[in-house]
Structure formats: structure tokens, C-alpha cells
Amino acid sequence: MIARFAAAAALLLTMGQAPAPAPRGADVELWRLDCGQVQVNDLNAFSDTLAYSGQKKRLVVSCYLIRHGSEYLLWDTGLPEAVIGKPVSSTDAMSPILTTTIKKQLAQIGVKPEQIGRVGISHYHFDHSGQAAGFPGATLLIGKGDVDALTTGKPGTSTEPLKPWFGGGAKIEGVDGDKDVFGDGSVTMLNLPGHTPGHHALLVVLKNKGPVLLSGDLAHFRENYDSNGVPPFNTDRAATLASLDRFKQLAGNVKATVILQHEANDVARLPTFPASAR
């Protein structure tokens, strides 16, 4: 019976229907990186039911470095460096802000760009892929649905931030379903489409802190998450709601620390850089 159960669990994982089992002895470390902010002057940009009329909010743009033994995964790459120095608009629906770069932060902890073996992108939007091209030697992990959308030039997509992989010959893997990144259950990309066709979140299991769920853009801030709010620019409303349901159930079942990547209060649950979580 035990063997049958193990085989069934392995099959479910392969099919992308369940995250990997908890890691056994994996040496995993997680840093949160400052990848910018976004001044939102019309919060209804994130509600297709106009739930936030007249409201503004400052969102953070967060990225994450995960060390697995001697290997490194960069999860999301924030706003493009070209944003540095640009004025903040009080009238645009959304105004990006950037004051530092990923490479500068990596240098603070002694990590060289060429040590980044994998770059995982939750989805193709510019505030998650902006600095990816600075790591052309890495394998790009991105949802297959997003690869297809980028390849066919669907509206709202651009391969510009991802040139090394789209036309540049760098190694890319279109992730179909869930993906156990290191093969031991410590870091799992979770298939949660709806925001974009191939949107993924990331489950990181740490020895001391336990499971941490990095949301990608499943939801942008707590009120939106709690109310199952859907931005009007999401590619599939029904898929978004199904993904929110899966994410919330998973978070409860594994007792995860949920980090909404654009919510400052959530990001603050992790140690302030250059400190890390383990």
C-alpha cells in the first residue's frame, strides 16, 4: 500500500496537480530583494468590479533569491533599470519607482551574476521581468502559457525584457503545470493561471521558517486577496478565481507564510535584506 501511495503521489506531481513533498535535509536560504515600487493613483486598475473608487496605494515590487546548496534561483526580476531616476507621477494610473538594482544587492552578499543558474519568472509583465536580461547565462523558467503568448505576440506582451531567451539562444524551459525546481520538494513552481495564461507562484520550504508561498501576481494587495478581487487586465477571470482557491487551500493545509509580492506588510514578514530566512 505504501508503494502504491508513493507511486500515486509521484504521478500527481508529474501531472502538476500537487506540490512536491517536503524536503529532506535541503540547505535552502531565501532573501527578499528590493526591485522597486509602484505608485497606484487609481486603485480600480486592480478591480473589475470597481471596488476601490477614489483610492490610491503604494505597492512594492519584490524579487527573491533562493540558495539551494551551492545553486541559486532568482525569482522575478522587478522593474527595468531604466526606471531609475524617473519622476513619480501623481496623475498616471500607475507610476513605477526604482532606486537600486538586483546586481548591486547580490554584490552585497557576495553573489556574482554568473552564479545565478536559474531565473524563474512568475509571469511576463514588465515589473516582474525587467532585469532578467542581466542574467543571460541562466536557464529561464516561465509558464508555458506565457511562452506561447510571448511567441505569438499576444496583446499586452513583449519579449524585449527577455531577449537572451527569445531570439538570443539562451536556455528556456516552458513550465507546463507545477515544477519541482531542484528535485527534492524544497522549491516548487505552482501553476496558477489567470493573471496571465502561464502565471505561476512559488512554494519554498525552509528548515526553520517552514513553507513560504510567494504569490507572483495572483493578488496584488491584501484587500484584493481577501475579497478574491480580479484586475480587469487579467487574461482569464474564471482561472484567476480557481487559482486563488487552490492557493488559499494549499496555504492553509501546509500552514505557509503567504507573501503577496506587491504588499509591503507581507514582504515585511521576511527578514530585511541583507538578512535571510532559513
C-alpha atoms as a PDB file:
ATOM      1  CA  MET A   1       0.000   0.000   0.000  1.00  0.00           C
ATOM      2  CA  ILE A   2       2.843   2.381   0.847  1.00  0.00           C
ATOM      3  CA  ALA A   3       4.448   1.760  -2.516  1.00  0.00           C
ATOM      4  CA  ARG A   4       1.141   2.368  -4.298  1.00  0.00           C
ATOM      5  CA  PHE A   5       0.606   5.608  -2.403  1.00  0.00           C
ATOM      6  CA  ALA A   6       4.113   6.822  -3.249  1.00  0.00           C
ATOM      7  CA  ALA A   7       3.567   5.996  -6.925  1.00  0.00           C
ATOM      8  CA  ALA A   8       0.248   7.831  -6.955  1.00  0.00           C
ATOM      9  CA  ALA A   9       1.816  10.880  -5.299  1.00  0.00           C
ATOM     10  CA  ALA A  10       4.618  10.904  -7.849  1.00  0.00           C
ATOM     11  CA  LEU A  11       2.096  10.701 -10.686  1.00  0.00           C
ATOM     12  CA  LEU A  12       0.105  13.634  -9.320  1.00  0.00           C
ATOM     13  CA  LEU A  13       3.246  15.713  -9.048  1.00  0.00           C
ATOM     14  CA  THR A  14       4.224  14.907 -12.615  1.00  0.00           C
ATOM     15  CA  MET A  15       0.779  15.952 -13.789  1.00  0.00           C
ATOM     16  CA  GLY A  16       1.091  19.289 -11.952  1.00  0.00           C
ATOM     17  CA  GLN A  17      -1.805  18.519  -9.611  1.00  0.00           C
ATOM     18  CA  ALA A  18       0.101  18.577  -6.318  1.00  0.00           C
ATOM     19  CA  PRO A  19       3.207  20.276  -4.966  1.00  0.00           C
ATOM     20  CA  ALA A  20       6.262  18.215  -4.153  1.00  0.00           C
ATOM     21  CA  PRO A  21       6.759  16.578  -0.745  1.00  0.00           C
ATOM     22  CA  ALA A  22       8.670  18.395   1.983  1.00  0.00           C
ATOM     23  CA  PRO A  23      12.433  18.464   1.500  1.00  0.00           C
ATOM     24  CA  ARG A  24      14.748  16.181   3.426  1.00  0.00           C
ATOM     25  CA  GLY A  25      17.854  17.985   4.531  1.00  0.00           C
ATOM     26  CA  ALA A  26      17.882  20.538   1.730  1.00  0.00           C
ATOM     27  CA  ASP A  27      20.057  23.551   2.589  1.00  0.00           C
ATOM     28  CA  VAL A  28      17.753  26.355   1.486  1.00  0.00           C
ATOM     29  CA  GLU A  29      18.073  30.091   2.126  1.00  0.00           C
ATOM     30  CA  LEU A  30      15.751  32.908   0.995  1.00  0.00           C
ATOM     31  CA  TRP A  31      16.478  36.622   0.575  1.00  0.00           C
ATOM     32  CA  ARG A  32      13.950  39.282  -0.336  1.00  0.00           C
ATOM     33  CA  LEU A  33      15.258  41.892  -2.748  1.00  0.00           C
ATOM     34  CA  ASP A  34      14.102  45.450  -3.391  1.00  0.00           C
ATOM     35  CA  CYS A  35      13.003  45.568  -7.022  1.00  0.00           C
ATOM     36  CA  GLY A  36      11.082  48.846  -6.879  1.00  0.00           C
ATOM     37  CA  GLN A  37       7.694  50.310  -6.066  1.00  0.00           C
ATOM     38  CA  VAL A  38       4.588  51.346  -7.973  1.00  0.00           C
ATOM     39  CA  GLN A  39       2.540  54.390  -7.065  1.00  0.00           C
ATOM     40  CA  VAL A  40      -1.045  53.450  -7.952  1.00  0.00           C
ATOM     41  CA  ASN A  41      -3.165  56.583  -8.362  1.00  0.00           C
ATOM     42  CA  ASP A  42      -6.298  54.703  -9.423  1.00  0.00           C
ATOM     43  CA  LEU A  43      -6.705  51.513  -7.401  1.00  0.00           C
ATOM     44  CA  ASN A  44      -9.634  50.446  -9.586  1.00  0.00           C
ATOM     45  CA  ALA A  45      -6.915  49.399 -12.042  1.00  0.00           C
ATOM     46  CA  PHE A  46      -6.929  46.209  -9.945  1.00  0.00           C
ATOM     47  CA  SER A  47     -10.683  45.678  -9.695  1.00  0.00           C
ATOM     48  CA  ASP A  48     -13.060  44.678 -12.470  1.00  0.00           C
ATOM     49  CA  THR A  49     -15.924  45.420 -10.061  1.00  0.00           C
ATOM     50  CA  LEU A  50     -14.684  48.984  -9.291  1.00  0.00           C
ATOM     51  CA  ALA A  51     -14.252  48.198  -5.603  1.00  0.00           C
ATOM     52  CA  TYR A  52     -11.689  50.942  -4.889  1.00  0.00           C
ATOM     53  CA  SER A  53     -13.069  54.143  -6.398  1.00  0.00           C
ATOM     54  CA  GLY A  54     -11.066  57.199  -5.370  1.00  0.00           C
ATOM     55  CA  GLN A  55      -8.371  55.145  -3.638  1.00  0.00           C
ATOM     56  CA  LYS A  56      -4.602  55.210  -4.095  1.00  0.00           C
ATOM     57  CA  LYS A  57      -1.928  52.825  -2.855  1.00  0.00           C
ATOM     58  CA  ARG A  58       1.852  52.426  -2.928  1.00  0.00           C
ATOM     59  CA  LEU A  59       2.749  48.890  -3.923  1.00  0.00           C
ATOM     60  CA  VAL A  60       6.178  47.334  -3.548  1.00  0.00           C
ATOM     61  CA  VAL A  61       7.909  45.331  -6.259  1.00  0.00           C
ATOM     62  CA  SER A  62       9.736  42.431  -4.648  1.00  0.00           C
ATOM     63  CA  CYS A  63      12.096  39.799  -6.015  1.00  0.00           C
ATOM     64  CA  TYR A  64      13.658  36.833  -4.266  1.00  0.00           C
ATOM     65  CA  LEU A  65      16.958  34.989  -4.251  1.00  0.00           C
ATOM     66  CA  ILE A  66      16.839  31.329  -3.241  1.00  0.00           C
ATOM     67  CA  ARG A  67      20.027  29.406  -2.478  1.00  0.00           C
ATOM     68  CA  HIS A  68      19.730  25.633  -2.667  1.00  0.00           C
ATOM     69  CA  GLY A  69      23.093  24.251  -1.577  1.00  0.00           C
ATOM     70  CA  SER A  70      25.505  25.922  -3.989  1.00  0.00           C
ATOM     71  CA  GLU A  71      22.824  26.648  -6.623  1.00  0.00           C
ATOM     72  CA  TYR A  72      20.876  29.881  -6.986  1.00  0.00           C
ATOM     73  CA  LEU A  73      17.400  30.682  -8.280  1.00  0.00           C
ATOM     74  CA  LEU A  74      16.301  34.277  -8.828  1.00  0.00           C
ATOM     75  CA  TRP A  75      12.522  34.551  -8.575  1.00  0.00           C
ATOM     76  CA  ASP A  76      11.165  37.522 -10.544  1.00  0.00           C
ATOM     77  CA  THR A  77      13.409  40.375 -11.614  1.00  0.00           C
ATOM     78  CA  GLY A  78      11.410  43.533 -10.928  1.00  0.00           C
ATOM     79  CA  LEU A  79      11.300  46.810 -12.781  1.00  0.00           C
ATOM     80  CA  PRO A  80      13.815  47.601 -15.541  1.00  0.00           C
ATOM     81  CA  GLU A  81      16.912  49.574 -14.551  1.00  0.00           C
ATOM     82  CA  ALA A  82      15.865  52.337 -16.950  1.00  0.00           C
ATOM     83  CA  VAL A  83      13.215  53.390 -14.405  1.00  0.00           C
ATOM     84  CA  ILE A  84      15.922  54.664 -12.005  1.00  0.00           C
ATOM     85  CA  GLY A  85      15.793  58.448 -11.754  1.00  0.00           C
ATOM     86  CA  LYS A  86      12.412  58.883 -13.408  1.00  0.00           C
ATOM     87  CA  PRO A  87       9.961  61.211 -11.627  1.00  0.00           C
ATOM     88  CA  VAL A  88       6.941  59.827  -9.827  1.00  0.00           C
ATOM     89  CA  SER A  89       3.643  60.778 -11.439  1.00  0.00           C
ATOM     90  CA  SER A  90       0.644  61.769  -9.335  1.00  0.00           C
ATOM     91  CA  THR A  91      -1.740  61.523 -12.279  1.00  0.00           C
ATOM     92  CA  ASP A  92      -0.828  58.347 -14.184  1.00  0.00           C
ATOM     93  CA  ALA A  93      -2.871  55.318 -13.153  1.00  0.00           C
ATOM     94  CA  MET A  94       0.411  53.591 -12.194  1.00  0.00           C
ATOM     95  CA  SER A  95       3.864  55.149 -11.843  1.00  0.00           C
ATOM     96  CA  PRO A  96       6.961  52.880 -11.392  1.00  0.00           C
ATOM     97  CA  ILE A  97       9.801  53.730  -8.995  1.00  0.00           C
ATOM     98  CA  LEU A  98      13.259  52.129  -8.795  1.00  0.00           C
ATOM     99  CA  THR A  99      16.257  53.170  -6.672  1.00  0.00           C
ATOM    100  CA  THR A 100      18.624  50.175  -6.811  1.00  0.00           C
ATOM    101  CA  THR A 101      19.358  47.086  -8.888  1.00  0.00           C
ATOM    102  CA  ILE A 102      19.378  43.358  -8.298  1.00  0.00           C
ATOM    103  CA  LYS A 103      23.064  43.115  -9.195  1.00  0.00           C
ATOM    104  CA  LYS A 104      24.006  45.724  -6.586  1.00  0.00           C
ATOM    105  CA  GLN A 105      22.104  43.806  -3.931  1.00  0.00           C
ATOM    106  CA  LEU A 106      23.663  40.490  -4.956  1.00  0.00           C
ATOM    107  CA  ALA A 107      27.101  42.094  -4.632  1.00  0.00           C
ATOM    108  CA  GLN A 108      26.276  42.974  -1.010  1.00  0.00           C
ATOM    109  CA  ILE A 109      26.026  39.279  -0.165  1.00  0.00           C
ATOM    110  CA  GLY A 110      28.900  38.161  -2.374  1.00  0.00           C
ATOM    111  CA  VAL A 111      26.858  36.567  -5.164  1.00  0.00           C
ATOM    112  CA  LYS A 112      28.030  37.118  -8.736  1.00  0.00           C
ATOM    113  CA  PRO A 113      25.549  37.319 -11.637  1.00  0.00           C
ATOM    114  CA  GLU A 114      27.104  34.256 -13.285  1.00  0.00           C
ATOM    115  CA  GLN A 115      26.271  32.204 -10.171  1.00  0.00           C
ATOM    116  CA  ILE A 116      22.547  32.556 -10.922  1.00  0.00           C
ATOM    117  CA  GLY A 117      21.790  29.265 -12.653  1.00  0.00           C
ATOM    118  CA  ARG A 118      18.028  29.733 -12.921  1.00  0.00           C
ATOM    119  CA  VAL A 119      15.757  32.749 -13.311  1.00  0.00           C
ATOM    120  CA  GLY A 120      12.133  31.978 -12.536  1.00  0.00           C
ATOM    121  CA  ILE A 121       9.539  34.454 -13.806  1.00  0.00           C
ATOM    122  CA  SER A 122       6.061  34.312 -12.291  1.00  0.00           C
ATOM    123  CA  HIS A 123       4.714  35.927 -15.481  1.00  0.00           C
ATOM    124  CA  TYR A 124       5.744  38.174 -18.350  1.00  0.00           C
ATOM    125  CA  HIS A 125       4.676  41.629 -17.065  1.00  0.00           C
ATOM    126  CA  PHE A 126       7.437  44.240 -17.106  1.00  0.00           C
ATOM    127  CA  ASP A 127       7.578  44.694 -13.318  1.00  0.00           C
ATOM    128  CA  HIS A 128       8.477  41.002 -12.938  1.00  0.00           C
ATOM    129  CA  SER A 129      10.827  40.578 -15.903  1.00  0.00           C
ATOM    130  CA  GLY A 130      12.531  43.977 -16.030  1.00  0.00           C
ATOM    131  CA  GLN A 131      16.073  42.983 -15.009  1.00  0.00           C
ATOM    132  CA  ALA A 132      16.070  39.387 -16.274  1.00  0.00           C
ATOM    133  CA  ALA A 133      18.345  40.135 -19.247  1.00  0.00           C
ATOM    134  CA  GLY A 134      21.173  40.847 -16.805  1.00  0.00           C
ATOM    135  CA  PHE A 135      21.463  37.083 -16.245  1.00  0.00           C
ATOM    136  CA  PRO A 136      21.782  35.652 -19.770  1.00  0.00           C
ATOM    137  CA  GLY A 137      23.687  32.585 -18.605  1.00  0.00           C
ATOM    138  CA  ALA A 138      20.766  31.370 -16.505  1.00  0.00           C
ATOM    139  CA  THR A 139      18.037  28.985 -17.586  1.00  0.00           C
ATOM    140  CA  LEU A 140      14.741  30.874 -17.763  1.00  0.00           C
ATOM    141  CA  LEU A 141      11.814  29.105 -16.096  1.00  0.00           C
ATOM    142  CA  ILE A 142       8.475  30.571 -17.176  1.00  0.00           C
ATOM    143  CA  GLY A 143       4.982  29.164 -17.623  1.00  0.00           C
ATOM    144  CA  LYS A 144       4.367  27.509 -20.978  1.00  0.00           C
ATOM    145  CA  GLY A 145       1.197  29.544 -21.422  1.00  0.00           C
ATOM    146  CA  ASP A 146       3.272  32.708 -21.137  1.00  0.00           C
ATOM    147  CA  VAL A 147       5.885  31.367 -23.561  1.00  0.00           C
ATOM    148  CA  ASP A 148       3.132  30.715 -26.087  1.00  0.00           C
ATOM    149  CA  ALA A 149       1.656  34.197 -25.587  1.00  0.00           C
ATOM    150  CA  LEU A 150       5.059  35.852 -25.979  1.00  0.00           C
ATOM    151  CA  THR A 151       5.976  33.769 -29.029  1.00  0.00           C
ATOM    152  CA  THR A 152       2.755  34.614 -30.829  1.00  0.00           C
ATOM    153  CA  GLY A 153       2.844  38.281 -29.806  1.00  0.00           C
ATOM    154  CA  LYS A 154      -0.462  38.342 -27.940  1.00  0.00           C
ATOM    155  CA  PRO A 155      -1.646  41.874 -26.975  1.00  0.00           C
ATOM    156  CA  GLY A 156      -0.018  43.106 -23.791  1.00  0.00           C
ATOM    157  CA  THR A 157       3.130  41.014 -24.266  1.00  0.00           C
ATOM    158  CA  SER A 158       6.692  41.951 -25.149  1.00  0.00           C
ATOM    159  CA  THR A 159       9.801  39.799 -25.439  1.00  0.00           C
ATOM    160  CA  GLU A 160      12.044  42.867 -25.052  1.00  0.00           C
ATOM    161  CA  PRO A 161      12.946  42.229 -21.358  1.00  0.00           C
ATOM    162  CA  LEU A 162      13.637  38.556 -22.156  1.00  0.00           C
ATOM    163  CA  LYS A 163      15.798  38.937 -25.280  1.00  0.00           C
ATOM    164  CA  PRO A 164      18.500  36.435 -24.244  1.00  0.00           C
ATOM    165  CA  TRP A 165      15.868  33.666 -24.315  1.00  0.00           C
ATOM    166  CA  PHE A 166      13.583  34.893 -27.091  1.00  0.00           C
ATOM    167  CA  GLY A 167      15.883  35.101 -30.083  1.00  0.00           C
ATOM    168  CA  GLY A 168      19.170  35.170 -28.193  1.00  0.00           C
ATOM    169  CA  GLY A 169      19.737  31.440 -27.857  1.00  0.00           C
ATOM    170  CA  ALA A 170      19.785  31.274 -24.040  1.00  0.00           C
ATOM    171  CA  LYS A 171      18.218  28.210 -22.447  1.00  0.00           C
ATOM    172  CA  ILE A 172      14.494  28.441 -21.680  1.00  0.00           C
ATOM    173  CA  GLU A 173      12.054  25.983 -20.152  1.00  0.00           C
ATOM    174  CA  GLY A 174       8.327  26.496 -20.630  1.00  0.00           C
ATOM    175  CA  VAL A 175       6.894  25.120 -17.397  1.00  0.00           C
ATOM    176  CA  ASP A 176       3.680  23.175 -18.025  1.00  0.00           C
ATOM    177  CA  GLY A 177       1.911  22.568 -14.705  1.00  0.00           C
ATOM    178  CA  ASP A 178       3.884  22.513 -11.446  1.00  0.00           C
ATOM    179  CA  LYS A 179       7.669  22.141 -11.364  1.00  0.00           C
ATOM    180  CA  ASP A 180       9.873  20.776  -8.593  1.00  0.00           C
ATOM    181  CA  VAL A 181      12.820  23.054  -9.353  1.00  0.00           C
ATOM    182  CA  PHE A 182      15.601  21.160  -7.552  1.00  0.00           C
ATOM    183  CA  GLY A 183      14.012  17.729  -7.439  1.00  0.00           C
ATOM    184  CA  ASP A 184      13.669  17.453  -3.669  1.00  0.00           C
ATOM    185  CA  GLY A 185      10.436  19.318  -2.935  1.00  0.00           C
ATOM    186  CA  SER A 186      12.137  22.350  -1.405  1.00  0.00           C
ATOM    187  CA  VAL A 187      11.212  24.796  -4.185  1.00  0.00           C
ATOM    188  CA  THR A 188       8.126  24.292  -6.364  1.00  0.00           C
ATOM    189  CA  MET A 189       6.684  26.465  -9.101  1.00  0.00           C
ATOM    190  CA  LEU A 190       2.896  26.280  -8.816  1.00  0.00           C
ATOM    191  CA  ASN A 191       0.703  26.535 -11.891  1.00  0.00           C
ATOM    192  CA  LEU A 192      -1.829  29.282 -11.077  1.00  0.00           C
ATOM    193  CA  PRO A 193      -3.056  30.760 -14.374  1.00  0.00           C
ATOM    194  CA  GLY A 194      -5.497  33.588 -14.815  1.00  0.00           C
ATOM    195  CA  HIS A 195      -3.464  36.737 -14.329  1.00  0.00           C
ATOM    196  CA  THR A 196      -1.621  35.587 -17.443  1.00  0.00           C
ATOM    197  CA  PRO A 197      -2.005  32.249 -19.252  1.00  0.00           C
ATOM    198  CA  GLY A 198       1.130  30.758 -17.682  1.00  0.00           C
ATOM    199  CA  HIS A 199       1.196  32.552 -14.328  1.00  0.00           C
ATOM    200  CA  HIS A 200       2.999  30.690 -11.526  1.00  0.00           C
ATOM    201  CA  ALA A 201       3.600  31.198  -7.810  1.00  0.00           C
ATOM    202  CA  LEU A 202       6.477  29.707  -5.814  1.00  0.00           C
ATOM    203  CA  LEU A 203       6.457  27.459  -2.752  1.00  0.00           C
ATOM    204  CA  VAL A 204       9.719  27.499  -0.785  1.00  0.00           C
ATOM    205  CA  VAL A 205      10.090  25.137   2.178  1.00  0.00           C
ATOM    206  CA  LEU A 206      12.606  26.400   4.736  1.00  0.00           C
ATOM    207  CA  LYS A 207      14.007  24.339   7.599  1.00  0.00           C
ATOM    208  CA  ASN A 208      13.294  26.889  10.335  1.00  0.00           C
ATOM    209  CA  LYS A 209      10.580  29.183   8.970  1.00  0.00           C
ATOM    210  CA  GLY A 210       8.651  26.428   7.229  1.00  0.00           C
ATOM    211  CA  PRO A 211       6.716  26.806   3.949  1.00  0.00           C
ATOM    212  CA  VAL A 212       6.686  30.230   2.298  1.00  0.00           C
ATOM    213  CA  LEU A 213       4.324  30.985  -0.600  1.00  0.00           C
ATOM    214  CA  LEU A 214       5.395  33.746  -2.980  1.00  0.00           C
ATOM    215  CA  SER A 215       2.279  34.849  -4.847  1.00  0.00           C
ATOM    216  CA  GLY A 216       3.562  36.273  -8.095  1.00  0.00           C
ATOM    217  CA  ASP A 217       0.591  38.460  -9.095  1.00  0.00           C
ATOM    218  CA  LEU A 218      -2.158  36.093  -8.005  1.00  0.00           C
ATOM    219  CA  ALA A 219      -3.282  39.088  -5.942  1.00  0.00           C
ATOM    220  CA  HIS A 220      -1.609  42.468  -5.574  1.00  0.00           C
ATOM    221  CA  PHE A 221      -2.594  43.521  -2.043  1.00  0.00           C
ATOM    222  CA  ARG A 222      -4.388  42.116   0.995  1.00  0.00           C
ATOM    223  CA  GLU A 223      -7.835  43.599   0.381  1.00  0.00           C
ATOM    224  CA  ASN A 224      -7.792  42.215  -3.138  1.00  0.00           C
ATOM    225  CA  TYR A 225      -6.631  38.798  -1.926  1.00  0.00           C
ATOM    226  CA  ASP A 226      -9.180  38.567   0.887  1.00  0.00           C
ATOM    227  CA  SER A 227     -12.093  39.525  -1.376  1.00  0.00           C
ATOM    228  CA  ASN A 228     -10.978  37.445  -4.390  1.00  0.00           C
ATOM    229  CA  GLY A 229     -10.708  40.615  -6.433  1.00  0.00           C
ATOM    230  CA  VAL A 230      -9.786  40.321 -10.108  1.00  0.00           C
ATOM    231  CA  PRO A 231      -7.967  43.031 -12.093  1.00  0.00           C
ATOM    232  CA  PRO A 232      -9.659  43.897 -15.411  1.00  0.00           C
ATOM    233  CA  PHE A 233      -6.414  43.164 -17.298  1.00  0.00           C
ATOM    234  CA  ASN A 234      -6.232  39.521 -16.174  1.00  0.00           C
ATOM    235  CA  THR A 235      -6.414  37.127 -19.113  1.00  0.00           C
ATOM    236  CA  ASP A 236      -8.952  34.717 -17.572  1.00  0.00           C
ATOM    237  CA  ARG A 237     -11.331  35.627 -14.739  1.00  0.00           C
ATOM    238  CA  ALA A 238     -12.540  32.092 -14.022  1.00  0.00           C
ATOM    239  CA  ALA A 239      -8.989  30.739 -13.977  1.00  0.00           C
ATOM    240  CA  THR A 240      -7.964  33.523 -11.588  1.00  0.00           C
ATOM    241  CA  LEU A 241     -10.678  32.557  -9.111  1.00  0.00           C
ATOM    242  CA  ALA A 242      -9.792  28.867  -9.374  1.00  0.00           C
ATOM    243  CA  SER A 243      -6.130  29.704  -8.788  1.00  0.00           C
ATOM    244  CA  LEU A 244      -6.981  31.835  -5.751  1.00  0.00           C
ATOM    245  CA  ASP A 245      -8.958  28.919  -4.341  1.00  0.00           C
ATOM    246  CA  ARG A 246      -6.093  26.465  -4.855  1.00  0.00           C
ATOM    247  CA  PHE A 247      -3.513  28.861  -3.402  1.00  0.00           C
ATOM    248  CA  LYS A 248      -5.571  29.589  -0.280  1.00  0.00           C
ATOM    249  CA  GLN A 249      -6.336  25.938   0.368  1.00  0.00           C
ATOM    250  CA  LEU A 250      -2.691  24.999  -0.098  1.00  0.00           C
ATOM    251  CA  ALA A 251      -1.560  27.812   2.207  1.00  0.00           C
ATOM    252  CA  GLY A 252      -3.903  26.570   4.920  1.00  0.00           C
ATOM    253  CA  ASN A 253      -3.036  22.915   4.508  1.00  0.00           C
ATOM    254  CA  VAL A 254       0.737  23.373   4.728  1.00  0.00           C
ATOM    255  CA  LYS A 255       0.480  26.333   7.162  1.00  0.00           C
ATOM    256  CA  ALA A 256       2.506  28.549   4.862  1.00  0.00           C
ATOM    257  CA  THR A 257       3.600  32.125   5.342  1.00  0.00           C
ATOM    258  CA  VAL A 258       1.832  33.894   2.465  1.00  0.00           C
ATOM    259  CA  ILE A 259       3.778  36.705   0.804  1.00  0.00           C
ATOM    260  CA  LEU A 260       1.798  38.834  -1.633  1.00  0.00           C
ATOM    261  CA  GLN A 261       4.704  40.168  -3.622  1.00  0.00           C
ATOM    262  CA  HIS A 262       3.297  43.697  -4.036  1.00  0.00           C
ATOM    263  CA  GLU A 263       2.044  44.068  -0.442  1.00  0.00           C
ATOM    264  CA  ALA A 264       4.554  45.873   1.800  1.00  0.00           C
ATOM    265  CA  ASN A 265       3.184  44.362   5.020  1.00  0.00           C
ATOM    266  CA  ASP A 266       3.528  40.854   3.602  1.00  0.00           C
ATOM    267  CA  VAL A 267       7.056  41.366   2.296  1.00  0.00           C
ATOM    268  CA  ALA A 268       7.992  42.656   5.758  1.00  0.00           C
ATOM    269  CA  ARG A 269       7.295  39.181   7.151  1.00  0.00           C
ATOM    270  CA  LEU A 270      10.647  38.163   5.725  1.00  0.00           C
ATOM    271  CA  PRO A 271      13.969  39.430   7.132  1.00  0.00           C
ATOM    272  CA  THR A 272      15.196  42.792   5.891  1.00  0.00           C
ATOM    273  CA  PHE A 273      17.954  42.447   3.299  1.00  0.00           C
ATOM    274  CA  PRO A 274      20.804  41.539   3.579  1.00  0.00           C
ATOM    275  CA  ALA A 275      19.471  39.191   6.275  1.00  0.00           C
ATOM    276  CA  SER A 276      17.856  35.970   5.024  1.00  0.00           C
ATOM    277  CA  ALA A 277      15.261  33.415   6.042  1.00  0.00           C
ATOM    278  CA  ARG A 278      16.181  29.776   6.575  1.00  0.00           C
END
